Amino acid sequence: MINKKLLITYIVLIIIIKTFALQIEKVSNNTYATFGKTGLPSKENGGFISNTYGVLTNEGWVVIDSLSSPTLAKQFIKQLKSIKNVPVKYLIITHYHLDHSFGMSAYKGAKIIAHKNLKRDIQNSNIEIYKEMLNKTFDNLFKNVKFLNIDIPIDKKISIKVGNLTFEIFPLPNAHTHTDILIYIPQTKELFAGDIIFYNRIPFIGDNHSNSKNWLKILKQIEKMKISKIYNGHNKPLDKKAIKFTYEYIYFLRSEISRLKDEDLFYDEIKEKLSSTEWKKYPMFKEFHNKNIYKIFNDLDFEF
């Protein structure tokens, strides 16, 4: 006779393994990726809500973003090494948000590159406060997360050569966050854009440090670059039409909120006016749109 409790346990384990098993894809001659699920962190998705990338050079791997936990990061490292068993030389973090930085402790031994503000936040324990806040929100999903020192904090453009490839790394002024960077490989014209560029998905502008005015300027600058592929934190590989998509959403919010403020409407009234916009059809509208309105509504009062 089948033991029902054992059978249920077995089925649950199968579901968990299937849910959290990362699938790696080759997206260019040198670049491999794992693509996260759409949504906010949960016990069901294990915090697997973003992308991570491994670039193979003839000296080892360069990884862009660490996923949201050491457990997920270790899975990705294992898959990279099954492709080629060489060291991870660098981890580059595009910004501080949990789904991009919380797996960093799995990369002990690699040199970590990030914006100087992320190093400052770790040293000042600001990111520990951020982690605790998220643990309260997401039922201790990140209780095992630990942070490492940033070996190479940047406040200006740097270039690092790793074997046959060059990585140009650009720190940005406040845009999506206060810790945004871009990574560009001139030999292949691949751009790793973090959460600066999206396509058919609503970007998050609600971070305390976001600056939508800067964000639009940065998108205009990126548009001038020679780019073969754009890799971001949440889409499959993109082309330049994604720059236009992101620009148009941010520009729409800024112009509409400014217009409605000039008509003396308050936040709740503007939120209602913009609740049935054409952007409603895109993923993450429900989660981010009102937060984006609130941030821009307040920021416009301090812009000159």
Foldseek 3Di string as FASTA:
>chain_A
DDDPVVVVVVVVVVLQCVLLQWDWDDDDPFKIKTAFDDDQDAPNNLQRFWMKMWGQAPQGIEIEFQAQALVSNVSVVVVVVVVPNHAHAEYEFFDDDRGGFQNCVNNPVHAYEWAVVVLVCVVVVVVVVVLVVVCVVHVNSSVPTDHDHHRHHDDAWDWDDRHPWIWIKGAFPAAQHRIGIKIATVVQQEIEGEQLFDDLAAGAQLDPRHDNVSSLVVLVVVLPGDHDWYHYIHDDIDDNVRSVVHNVVSVVLLVQLVVVVVVVDDLVVSCVVCVPDPSVPGGCCVVHVSSNNVVSNVVVVVDD
